[in-house]
Amino acid sequence: MIRRLSPEEEALWAQIGRSVRRLRTEKARVASRPEADAASEAPDESPAAETGTAAAPPARPRKAIPAKAPAPGFAPLEDRVRRRLARGRLDVDARLDLHGLGQDAAFARLGSFLQTAQAQGKRLVLVITGKGDESLSERGILRRNLPHWLAHRDLRPLIAGVEQASRRHGGGGAFYIRLKRRR
């Protein structure tokens, strides 16, 4: 059951919503369409903005990650590695399944898993997030948050590349993570 926000919580969300700016990578700027940029920069003309009342934050559009697209801000896997994985000639060194975990628990487990895997000399790991339940409003929350978690200041130095897994390893619900060598 979903509980309703209190008036104080709604006001806080509205304040946060006004202060947040979208992060964009260089590739996203090049690939974006001018008409989409103009629409996103248009002033908010909702009735809530005119009256100064707090409104719920707008829902984010659901965008599926294209098949083989790297996580934003990360390099894709090398072509040779990708081909060997697809043909079954290379397997992952370790797997982490985040199914059934909350966001906080999943982030904590991901951090310890990646640090341990790198310390053990593992180079290619598979993180399974699942695709999410399409019947729920927060579809694929772990899958959507994974790129943000990997960009965290404690995890970013460990990672050489990220890419959506092949169908053989879970497709859209899993990611290959190439770890840097330990120094």
N, C-alpha and C. Protein backbone atom coordinates (compact mmCIF):
# COMPACT_ATOMS: atom_id res chain seq x y z
N MET A 1 0.84 -1.17 0.00
CA MET A 1 0.00 0.00 0.00
C MET A 1 0.89 1.24 0.00
N ILE A 2 0.52 2.20 -0.80
CA ILE A 2 1.29 3.43 -0.92
C ILE A 2 0.65 4.49 -0.04
N ARG A 3 1.46 5.13 0.78
CA ARG A 3 0.91 6.19 1.64
C ARG A 3 1.03 7.52 0.94
N ARG A 4 0.16 8.42 1.26
CA ARG A 4 0.16 9.77 0.70
C ARG A 4 1.19 10.63 1.42
N LEU A 5 1.73 11.60 0.71
CA LEU A 5 2.69 12.53 1.31
C LEU A 5 1.96 13.55 2.16
N SER A 6 2.57 13.92 3.25
CA SER A 6 2.00 14.98 4.10
C SER A 6 2.25 16.32 3.42
N PRO A 7 1.55 17.37 3.82
CA PRO A 7 1.80 18.70 3.22
C PRO A 7 3.26 19.15 3.37
N GLU A 8 3.88 18.81 4.51
CA GLU A 8 5.28 19.18 4.70
C GLU A 8 6.19 18.44 3.71
N GLU A 9 5.90 17.15 3.50
CA GLU A 9 6.69 16.36 2.57
C GLU A 9 6.49 16.86 1.14
N GLU A 10 5.26 17.23 0.78
CA GLU A 10 5.01 17.77 -0.56
C GLU A 10 5.78 19.06 -0.78
N ALA A 11 5.81 19.92 0.24
CA ALA A 11 6.55 21.18 0.12
C ALA A 11 8.04 20.91 -0.04
N LEU A 12 8.56 19.93 0.71
CA LEU A 12 9.97 19.58 0.60
C LEU A 12 10.29 19.04 -0.79
N TRP A 13 9.42 18.17 -1.35
CA TRP A 13 9.63 17.64 -2.69
C TRP A 13 9.62 18.76 -3.72
N ALA A 14 8.71 19.70 -3.56
CA ALA A 14 8.64 20.82 -4.51
C ALA A 14 9.93 21.64 -4.45
N GLN A 15 10.44 21.87 -3.25
CA GLN A 15 11.69 22.63 -3.08
C GLN A 15 12.85 21.88 -3.71
N ILE A 16 12.92 20.59 -3.47
CA ILE A 16 13.99 19.78 -4.06
C ILE A 16 13.88 19.76 -5.58
N GLY A 17 12.66 19.61 -6.07
CA GLY A 17 12.44 19.58 -7.52
C GLY A 17 12.91 20.86 -8.20
N ARG A 18 12.76 21.99 -7.55
CA ARG A 18 13.21 23.26 -8.14
C ARG A 18 14.73 23.39 -8.12
N SER A 19 15.39 22.72 -7.19
CA SER A 19 16.84 22.90 -7.06
C SER A 19 17.65 21.86 -7.84
N VAL A 20 17.02 20.84 -8.36
CA VAL A 20 17.73 19.76 -9.04
C VAL A 20 17.94 20.09 -10.51
N ARG A 21 19.13 19.81 -11.00
CA ARG A 21 19.43 19.99 -12.42
C ARG A 21 19.88 18.67 -12.97
N ARG A 22 19.51 18.38 -14.18
CA ARG A 22 19.84 17.12 -14.82
C ARG A 22 21.30 17.09 -15.23
N LEU A 23 21.97 15.97 -14.94
CA LEU A 23 23.35 15.77 -15.37
C LEU A 23 23.33 15.24 -16.79
N ARG A 24 24.24 15.72 -17.59
CA ARG A 24 24.29 15.26 -18.97
C ARG A 24 25.74 14.97 -19.35
N THR A 25 25.94 13.92 -20.08
CA THR A 25 27.28 13.59 -20.55
C THR A 25 27.49 14.23 -21.92
N GLU A 26 28.70 14.28 -22.37
CA GLU A 26 29.01 14.88 -23.67
C GLU A 26 28.30 14.12 -24.78
N LYS A 27 28.28 12.78 -24.71
CA LYS A 27 27.61 11.99 -25.75
C LYS A 27 26.12 12.30 -25.79
N ALA A 28 25.51 12.48 -24.63
CA ALA A 28 24.08 12.78 -24.60
C ALA A 28 23.79 14.13 -25.23
N ARG A 29 24.67 15.11 -25.05
CA ARG A 29 24.46 16.43 -25.65
C ARG A 29 24.53 16.35 -27.17
N VAL A 30 25.47 15.57 -27.69
CA VAL A 30 25.61 15.44 -29.13
C VAL A 30 24.41 14.70 -29.72
N ALA A 31 23.95 13.68 -29.03
CA ALA A 31 22.87 12.85 -29.55
C ALA A 31 21.49 13.46 -29.34
N SER A 32 21.37 14.44 -28.46
CA SER A 32 20.04 14.99 -28.16
C SER A 32 19.52 15.82 -29.33
N ARG A 33 18.21 15.85 -29.43
CA ARG A 33 17.56 16.62 -30.48
C ARG A 33 17.33 18.04 -29.99
N PRO A 34 17.48 19.04 -30.85
CA PRO A 34 17.28 20.43 -30.44
C PRO A 34 15.87 20.67 -29.91
N GLU A 35 14.84 20.04 -30.52
CA GLU A 35 13.49 20.29 -30.05
C GLU A 35 13.27 19.71 -28.66
N ALA A 36 13.95 18.62 -28.32
CA ALA A 36 13.83 18.06 -26.97
C ALA A 36 14.48 18.98 -25.95
N ASP A 37 15.63 19.60 -26.32
CA ASP A 37 16.31 20.53 -25.42
C ASP A 37 15.45 21.77 -25.18
N ALA A 38 14.82 22.29 -26.24
CA ALA A 38 13.99 23.48 -26.09
C ALA A 38 12.80 23.20 -25.19
N ALA A 39 12.22 22.01 -25.32
CA ALA A 39 11.07 21.66 -24.49
C ALA A 39 11.47 21.52 -23.03
N SER A 40 12.67 20.99 -22.77
CA SER A 40 13.09 20.80 -21.38
C SER A 40 13.48 22.12 -20.72
N GLU A 41 13.83 23.15 -21.52
CA GLU A 41 14.21 24.44 -20.96
C GLU A 41 13.03 25.40 -20.83
N ALA A 42 11.85 24.98 -21.30
CA ALA A 42 10.68 25.84 -21.23
C ALA A 42 10.29 26.05 -19.78
N PRO A 43 9.82 27.24 -19.41
CA PRO A 43 9.43 27.47 -18.03
C PRO A 43 8.24 26.61 -17.65
N ASP A 44 8.16 26.31 -16.38
CA ASP A 44 7.07 25.50 -15.86
C ASP A 44 5.80 26.34 -15.84
N GLU A 45 4.79 25.92 -16.62
CA GLU A 45 3.56 26.68 -16.69
C GLU A 45 2.40 25.94 -16.04
N SER A 46 2.71 25.07 -15.11
CA SER A 46 1.64 24.32 -14.46
C SER A 46 0.88 25.23 -13.51
N PRO A 47 -0.36 24.89 -13.17
CA PRO A 47 -1.12 25.70 -12.24
C PRO A 47 -0.42 25.82 -10.89
N ALA A 48 0.27 24.80 -10.47
CA ALA A 48 0.98 24.83 -9.18
C ALA A 48 2.07 25.89 -9.20
N ALA A 49 2.74 26.06 -10.37
CA ALA A 49 3.81 27.03 -10.46
C ALA A 49 3.25 28.46 -10.40
N GLU A 50 2.06 28.65 -10.99
CA GLU A 50 1.47 29.98 -10.99
C GLU A 50 1.01 30.39 -9.59
N THR A 51 0.42 29.44 -8.87
CA THR A 51 -0.12 29.78 -7.56
C THR A 51 0.90 29.67 -6.45
N GLY A 52 2.04 29.05 -6.74
CA GLY A 52 3.07 28.90 -5.73
C GLY A 52 2.81 27.74 -4.78
N THR A 53 1.83 26.90 -5.10
CA THR A 53 1.55 25.75 -4.24
C THR A 53 2.48 24.61 -4.61
N ALA A 54 2.70 23.73 -3.67
CA ALA A 54 3.58 22.60 -3.91
C ALA A 54 2.85 21.53 -4.70
N ALA A 55 3.53 20.97 -5.66
CA ALA A 55 2.97 19.89 -6.46
C ALA A 55 3.91 18.70 -6.39
N ALA A 56 3.39 17.54 -6.66
CA ALA A 56 4.23 16.34 -6.67
C ALA A 56 5.22 16.46 -7.81
N PRO A 57 6.44 15.93 -7.66
CA PRO A 57 7.41 16.01 -8.73
C PRO A 57 6.92 15.24 -9.95
N PRO A 58 7.25 15.71 -11.16
CA PRO A 58 6.78 15.01 -12.36
C PRO A 58 7.42 13.63 -12.45
N ALA A 59 6.68 12.70 -13.00
CA ALA A 59 7.20 11.34 -13.17
C ALA A 59 8.25 11.35 -14.26
N ARG A 60 9.31 10.59 -14.06
CA ARG A 60 10.35 10.49 -15.07
C ARG A 60 9.85 9.59 -16.19
N PRO A 61 10.19 9.94 -17.44
CA PRO A 61 9.79 9.06 -18.53
C PRO A 61 10.56 7.75 -18.45
N ARG A 62 9.90 6.68 -18.79
CA ARG A 62 10.55 5.37 -18.77
C ARG A 62 11.23 5.15 -20.10
N LYS A 63 12.55 5.00 -20.07
CA LYS A 63 13.30 4.76 -21.28
C LYS A 63 14.07 3.46 -21.13
N ALA A 64 13.89 2.58 -22.06
CA ALA A 64 14.62 1.33 -22.02
C ALA A 64 16.04 1.59 -22.51
N ILE A 65 17.00 0.93 -21.91
CA ILE A 65 18.39 1.05 -22.35
C ILE A 65 18.53 0.21 -23.61
N PRO A 66 19.04 0.81 -24.71
CA PRO A 66 19.17 0.03 -25.93
C PRO A 66 20.10 -1.15 -25.72
N ALA A 67 19.93 -2.20 -26.51
CA ALA A 67 20.70 -3.44 -26.33
C ALA A 67 22.19 -3.16 -26.41
N LYS A 68 23.08 -3.29 -25.96
CA LYS A 68 24.52 -3.07 -26.04
C LYS A 68 24.96 -1.65 -25.69
N ALA A 69 24.09 -0.80 -25.21
CA ALA A 69 24.52 0.55 -24.85
C ALA A 69 25.23 0.51 -23.51
N PRO A 70 26.38 1.19 -23.41
CA PRO A 70 27.05 1.24 -22.12
C PRO A 70 26.28 2.12 -21.16
N ALA A 71 26.54 1.96 -19.89
CA ALA A 71 25.94 2.85 -18.91
C ALA A 71 26.49 4.24 -19.17
N PRO A 72 25.67 5.28 -19.00
CA PRO A 72 26.14 6.64 -19.28
C PRO A 72 27.40 6.99 -18.48
N GLY A 73 28.40 7.54 -19.17
CA GLY A 73 29.63 7.95 -18.52
C GLY A 73 30.68 6.86 -18.42
N PHE A 74 30.38 5.66 -18.91
CA PHE A 74 31.33 4.55 -18.85
C PHE A 74 31.63 4.05 -20.25
N ALA A 75 32.84 3.55 -20.43
CA ALA A 75 33.23 2.99 -21.71
C ALA A 75 32.56 1.63 -21.90
N PRO A 76 32.24 1.27 -23.14
CA PRO A 76 31.70 -0.07 -23.39
C PRO A 76 32.83 -1.10 -23.29
N LEU A 77 32.46 -2.35 -23.26
CA LEU A 77 33.47 -3.42 -23.26
C LEU A 77 34.17 -3.45 -24.60
N GLU A 78 35.37 -4.00 -24.62
CA GLU A 78 36.11 -4.14 -25.85
C GLU A 78 35.38 -5.12 -26.77
N ASP A 79 35.48 -4.90 -28.08
CA ASP A 79 34.78 -5.76 -29.04
C ASP A 79 35.17 -7.23 -28.88
N ARG A 80 36.47 -7.49 -28.66
CA ARG A 80 36.95 -8.85 -28.52
C ARG A 80 36.30 -9.55 -27.32
N VAL A 81 36.21 -8.83 -26.21
CA VAL A 81 35.60 -9.39 -25.00
C VAL A 81 34.11 -9.65 -25.24
N ARG A 82 33.44 -8.71 -25.88
CA ARG A 82 32.01 -8.86 -26.16
C ARG A 82 31.74 -10.08 -27.04
N ARG A 83 32.55 -10.26 -28.08
CA ARG A 83 32.37 -11.42 -28.98
C ARG A 83 32.60 -12.73 -28.24
N ARG A 84 33.64 -12.79 -27.43
CA ARG A 84 33.95 -14.02 -26.69
C ARG A 84 32.85 -14.34 -25.69
N LEU A 85 32.29 -13.34 -25.04
CA LEU A 85 31.17 -13.56 -24.11
C LEU A 85 29.95 -14.11 -24.85
N ALA A 86 29.63 -13.50 -25.99
CA ALA A 86 28.46 -13.91 -26.76
C ALA A 86 28.59 -15.33 -27.28
N ARG A 87 29.81 -15.75 -27.62
CA ARG A 87 30.04 -17.10 -28.15
C ARG A 87 30.23 -18.14 -27.05
N GLY A 88 30.28 -17.70 -25.82
CA GLY A 88 30.47 -18.65 -24.72
C GLY A 88 31.91 -19.06 -24.51
N ARG A 89 32.84 -18.35 -25.11
CA ARG A 89 34.26 -18.68 -24.95
C ARG A 89 34.91 -17.94 -23.79
N LEU A 90 34.17 -17.04 -23.20
CA LEU A 90 34.64 -16.31 -22.03
C LEU A 90 33.49 -16.24 -21.05
N ASP A 91 33.78 -16.52 -19.81
CA ASP A 91 32.73 -16.44 -18.80
C ASP A 91 33.10 -15.35 -17.80
N VAL A 92 32.12 -14.92 -17.08
CA VAL A 92 32.36 -13.89 -16.07
C VAL A 92 33.08 -14.51 -14.87
N ASP A 93 33.86 -13.69 -14.19
CA ASP A 93 34.62 -14.16 -13.03
C ASP A 93 33.78 -14.27 -11.78
N ALA A 94 32.75 -13.44 -11.67
CA ALA A 94 31.88 -13.46 -10.49
C ALA A 94 30.52 -12.88 -10.86
N ARG A 95 29.50 -13.25 -10.09
CA ARG A 95 28.14 -12.77 -10.32
C ARG A 95 27.56 -12.22 -9.03
N LEU A 96 26.74 -11.20 -9.18
CA LEU A 96 26.00 -10.65 -8.04
C LEU A 96 24.56 -10.48 -8.47
N ASP A 97 23.63 -11.08 -7.73
CA ASP A 97 22.21 -10.97 -8.03
C ASP A 97 21.57 -10.06 -6.99
N LEU A 98 21.02 -8.95 -7.44
CA LEU A 98 20.42 -7.97 -6.55
C LEU A 98 18.90 -8.10 -6.45
N HIS A 99 18.33 -9.13 -7.06
CA HIS A 99 16.88 -9.34 -7.00
C HIS A 99 16.38 -9.35 -5.56
N GLY A 100 15.28 -8.69 -5.33
CA GLY A 100 14.63 -8.73 -4.03
C GLY A 100 15.22 -7.82 -2.97
N LEU A 101 16.25 -7.07 -3.30
CA LEU A 101 16.86 -6.18 -2.32
C LEU A 101 16.30 -4.77 -2.47
N GLY A 102 16.26 -4.04 -1.37
CA GLY A 102 15.92 -2.62 -1.42
C GLY A 102 17.09 -1.84 -1.96
N GLN A 103 16.87 -0.58 -2.26
CA GLN A 103 17.92 0.25 -2.86
C GLN A 103 19.15 0.38 -1.96
N ASP A 104 18.94 0.63 -0.69
CA ASP A 104 20.08 0.81 0.22
C ASP A 104 20.89 -0.48 0.36
N ALA A 105 20.19 -1.59 0.52
CA ALA A 105 20.87 -2.89 0.67
C ALA A 105 21.59 -3.26 -0.63
N ALA A 106 20.96 -2.98 -1.77
CA ALA A 106 21.57 -3.30 -3.06
C ALA A 106 22.84 -2.48 -3.28
N PHE A 107 22.80 -1.20 -2.95
CA PHE A 107 23.99 -0.35 -3.11
C PHE A 107 25.13 -0.82 -2.21
N ALA A 108 24.80 -1.16 -0.97
CA ALA A 108 25.83 -1.62 -0.04
C ALA A 108 26.45 -2.94 -0.53
N ARG A 109 25.60 -3.85 -0.97
CA ARG A 109 26.11 -5.14 -1.45
C ARG A 109 26.92 -4.97 -2.72
N LEU A 110 26.49 -4.08 -3.61
CA LEU A 110 27.24 -3.82 -4.85
C LEU A 110 28.63 -3.29 -4.52
N GLY A 111 28.72 -2.33 -3.61
CA GLY A 111 30.01 -1.75 -3.25
C GLY A 111 30.97 -2.78 -2.69
N SER A 112 30.50 -3.59 -1.74
CA SER A 112 31.40 -4.59 -1.15
C SER A 112 31.76 -5.67 -2.16
N PHE A 113 30.82 -6.04 -3.04
CA PHE A 113 31.08 -7.04 -4.06
C PHE A 113 32.18 -6.57 -5.02
N LEU A 114 32.06 -5.33 -5.53
CA LEU A 114 33.05 -4.83 -6.49
C LEU A 114 34.43 -4.68 -5.85
N GLN A 115 34.48 -4.19 -4.63
CA GLN A 115 35.77 -4.03 -3.95
C GLN A 115 36.41 -5.39 -3.69
N THR A 116 35.63 -6.36 -3.26
CA THR A 116 36.16 -7.70 -3.00
C THR A 116 36.62 -8.35 -4.30
N ALA A 117 35.81 -8.22 -5.37
CA ALA A 117 36.17 -8.83 -6.66
C ALA A 117 37.48 -8.24 -7.19
N GLN A 118 37.64 -6.94 -7.08
CA GLN A 118 38.88 -6.33 -7.56
C GLN A 118 40.07 -6.79 -6.70
N ALA A 119 39.87 -6.86 -5.39
CA ALA A 119 40.95 -7.31 -4.50
C ALA A 119 41.37 -8.75 -4.80
N GLN A 120 40.43 -9.56 -5.27
CA GLN A 120 40.72 -10.95 -5.62
C GLN A 120 41.27 -11.09 -7.03
N GLY A 121 41.44 -9.97 -7.75
CA GLY A 121 42.01 -10.01 -9.08
C GLY A 121 41.02 -10.33 -10.18
N LYS A 122 39.74 -10.28 -9.90
CA LYS A 122 38.73 -10.56 -10.91
C LYS A 122 38.59 -9.35 -11.81
N ARG A 123 38.39 -9.60 -13.10
CA ARG A 123 38.34 -8.51 -14.06
C ARG A 123 36.97 -8.29 -14.67
N LEU A 124 36.16 -9.33 -14.83
CA LEU A 124 34.85 -9.19 -15.46
C LEU A 124 33.79 -9.80 -14.56
N VAL A 125 32.86 -8.98 -14.13
CA VAL A 125 31.80 -9.47 -13.25
C VAL A 125 30.44 -9.17 -13.88
N LEU A 126 29.44 -9.91 -13.45
CA LEU A 126 28.07 -9.75 -13.92
C LEU A 126 27.22 -9.31 -12.75
N VAL A 127 26.50 -8.21 -12.91
CA VAL A 127 25.59 -7.73 -11.87
C VAL A 127 24.18 -7.85 -12.44
N ILE A 128 23.35 -8.63 -11.76
CA ILE A 128 21.99 -8.88 -12.20
C ILE A 128 21.05 -8.00 -11.38
N THR A 129 20.37 -7.09 -12.06
CA THR A 129 19.43 -6.19 -11.38
C THR A 129 17.99 -6.62 -11.60
N GLY A 130 17.74 -7.33 -12.66
CA GLY A 130 16.37 -7.65 -13.06
C GLY A 130 15.81 -6.49 -13.86
N LYS A 131 14.76 -6.76 -14.61
CA LYS A 131 14.15 -5.72 -15.44
C LYS A 131 13.09 -4.95 -14.69
N GLY A 132 12.63 -5.48 -13.59
CA GLY A 132 11.57 -4.80 -12.84
C GLY A 132 10.21 -5.31 -13.23
N ASP A 133 9.23 -5.02 -12.41
CA ASP A 133 7.86 -5.45 -12.64
C ASP A 133 7.11 -4.34 -13.35
N GLU A 134 6.65 -4.62 -14.57
CA GLU A 134 5.99 -3.58 -15.35
C GLU A 134 4.66 -3.15 -14.75
N SER A 135 4.09 -3.94 -13.84
CA SER A 135 2.81 -3.58 -13.25
C SER A 135 2.98 -2.55 -12.13
N LEU A 136 4.20 -2.36 -11.65
CA LEU A 136 4.45 -1.40 -10.58
C LEU A 136 4.86 -0.05 -11.16
N SER A 137 4.63 1.00 -10.42
CA SER A 137 4.97 2.34 -10.91
C SER A 137 6.48 2.57 -10.94
N GLU A 138 7.22 1.97 -10.03
CA GLU A 138 8.68 2.16 -10.00
C GLU A 138 9.35 0.97 -10.65
N ARG A 139 9.14 0.83 -11.93
CA ARG A 139 9.63 -0.29 -12.71
C ARG A 139 11.16 -0.27 -12.81
N GLY A 140 11.82 -1.33 -12.43
CA GLY A 140 13.24 -1.47 -12.63
C GLY A 140 14.09 -0.47 -11.87
N ILE A 141 13.77 -0.21 -10.63
CA ILE A 141 14.47 0.83 -9.87
C ILE A 141 15.95 0.48 -9.68
N LEU A 142 16.28 -0.79 -9.45
CA LEU A 142 17.69 -1.18 -9.30
C LEU A 142 18.42 -1.01 -10.63
N ARG A 143 17.77 -1.40 -11.70
CA ARG A 143 18.37 -1.29 -13.03
C ARG A 143 18.63 0.18 -13.38
N ARG A 144 17.68 1.04 -13.06
CA ARG A 144 17.86 2.46 -13.35
C ARG A 144 18.93 3.10 -12.48
N ASN A 145 19.07 2.64 -11.25
CA ASN A 145 20.03 3.25 -10.33
C ASN A 145 21.45 2.74 -10.49
N LEU A 146 21.64 1.59 -11.10
CA LEU A 146 22.98 1.01 -11.20
C LEU A 146 24.00 1.98 -11.79
N PRO A 147 23.74 2.66 -12.92
CA PRO A 147 24.74 3.59 -13.44
C PRO A 147 25.10 4.71 -12.46
N HIS A 148 24.12 5.18 -11.70
CA HIS A 148 24.39 6.23 -10.70
C HIS A 148 25.26 5.68 -9.56
N TRP A 149 24.97 4.46 -9.15
CA TRP A 149 25.76 3.85 -8.08
C TRP A 149 27.19 3.62 -8.53
N LEU A 150 27.36 3.18 -9.79
CA LEU A 150 28.71 2.93 -10.30
C LEU A 150 29.51 4.22 -10.43
N ALA A 151 28.83 5.34 -10.59
CA ALA A 151 29.51 6.63 -10.70
C ALA A 151 29.86 7.22 -9.33
N HIS A 152 29.48 6.55 -8.26
CA HIS A 152 29.77 7.02 -6.90
C HIS A 152 31.28 7.12 -6.71
N ARG A 153 31.72 8.10 -5.94
CA ARG A 153 33.16 8.36 -5.78
C ARG A 153 33.95 7.17 -5.25
N ASP A 154 33.31 6.26 -4.51
CA ASP A 154 34.02 5.10 -3.98
C ASP A 154 34.12 3.97 -5.00
N LEU A 155 33.18 3.91 -5.96
CA LEU A 155 33.15 2.81 -6.91
C LEU A 155 33.74 3.17 -8.27
N ARG A 156 33.63 4.41 -8.68
CA ARG A 156 34.09 4.84 -9.99
C ARG A 156 35.55 4.46 -10.28
N PRO A 157 36.47 4.61 -9.32
CA PRO A 157 37.87 4.26 -9.61
C PRO A 157 38.11 2.77 -9.85
N LEU A 158 37.15 1.92 -9.52
CA LEU A 158 37.32 0.49 -9.70
C LEU A 158 36.94 0.02 -11.10
N ILE A 159 36.21 0.84 -11.86
CA ILE A 159 35.52 0.39 -13.06
C ILE A 159 36.20 0.87 -14.33
N ALA A 160 36.44 -0.09 -15.25
CA ALA A 160 37.02 0.23 -16.55
C ALA A 160 35.95 0.33 -17.63
N GLY A 161 34.88 -0.43 -17.50
CA GLY A 161 33.82 -0.40 -18.51
C GLY A 161 32.55 -1.06 -18.02
N VAL A 162 31.43 -0.65 -18.61
CA VAL A 162 30.12 -1.20 -18.25
C VAL A 162 29.31 -1.36 -19.52
N GLU A 163 28.59 -2.46 -19.60
CA GLU A 163 27.72 -2.68 -20.75
C GLU A 163 26.60 -3.62 -20.37
N GLN A 164 25.47 -3.44 -21.02
CA GLN A 164 24.34 -4.34 -20.79
C GLN A 164 24.76 -5.75 -21.21
N ALA A 165 24.33 -6.74 -20.44
CA ALA A 165 24.72 -8.12 -20.71
C ALA A 165 24.03 -8.66 -21.96
N SER A 166 24.64 -9.67 -22.54
CA SER A 166 24.02 -10.34 -23.69
C SER A 166 22.82 -11.15 -23.20
N ARG A 167 22.00 -11.57 -24.11
CA ARG A 167 20.81 -12.36 -23.78
C ARG A 167 21.20 -13.61 -22.99
N ARG A 168 22.34 -14.17 -23.30
CA ARG A 168 22.83 -15.39 -22.63
C ARG A 168 23.01 -15.19 -21.12
N HIS A 169 23.34 -13.97 -20.71
CA HIS A 169 23.58 -13.67 -19.30
C HIS A 169 22.50 -12.81 -18.65
N GLY A 170 21.37 -12.65 -19.30
CA GLY A 170 20.27 -11.91 -18.67
C GLY A 170 19.78 -10.71 -19.43
N GLY A 171 20.46 -10.35 -20.52
CA GLY A 171 19.99 -9.25 -21.37
C GLY A 171 19.79 -7.95 -20.63
N GLY A 172 18.61 -7.35 -20.79
CA GLY A 172 18.31 -6.04 -20.23
C GLY A 172 18.27 -5.99 -18.72
N GLY A 173 18.27 -7.14 -18.07
CA GLY A 173 18.22 -7.15 -16.61
C GLY A 173 19.56 -7.41 -15.95
N ALA A 174 20.66 -7.32 -16.72
CA ALA A 174 21.99 -7.59 -16.17
C ALA A 174 23.03 -6.73 -16.88
N PHE A 175 24.15 -6.51 -16.21
CA PHE A 175 25.23 -5.69 -16.77
C PHE A 175 26.57 -6.37 -16.53
N TYR A 176 27.44 -6.28 -17.56
CA TYR A 176 28.83 -6.68 -17.40
C TYR A 176 29.57 -5.47 -16.86
N ILE A 177 30.44 -5.71 -15.90
CA ILE A 177 31.28 -4.64 -15.37
C ILE A 177 32.72 -5.11 -15.46
N ARG A 178 33.52 -4.35 -16.20
CA ARG A 178 34.94 -4.66 -16.36
C ARG A 178 35.68 -3.86 -15.28
N LEU A 179 36.39 -4.57 -14.41
CA LEU A 179 37.10 -3.93 -13.30
C LEU A 179 38.53 -3.59 -13.71
N LYS A 180 39.05 -2.52 -13.16
CA LYS A 180 40.44 -2.16 -13.41
C LYS A 180 41.33 -3.07 -12.58
N ARG A 181 42.56 -3.22 -13.03
CA ARG A 181 43.52 -3.99 -12.25
C ARG A 181 43.84 -3.26 -10.97
N ARG A 182 44.06 -4.04 -9.92
CA ARG A 182 44.39 -3.44 -8.63
C ARG A 182 45.83 -2.97 -8.65
N ARG A 183 46.06 -1.78 -8.13
CA ARG A 183 47.43 -1.22 -8.12
C ARG A 183 48.10 -1.51 -6.82
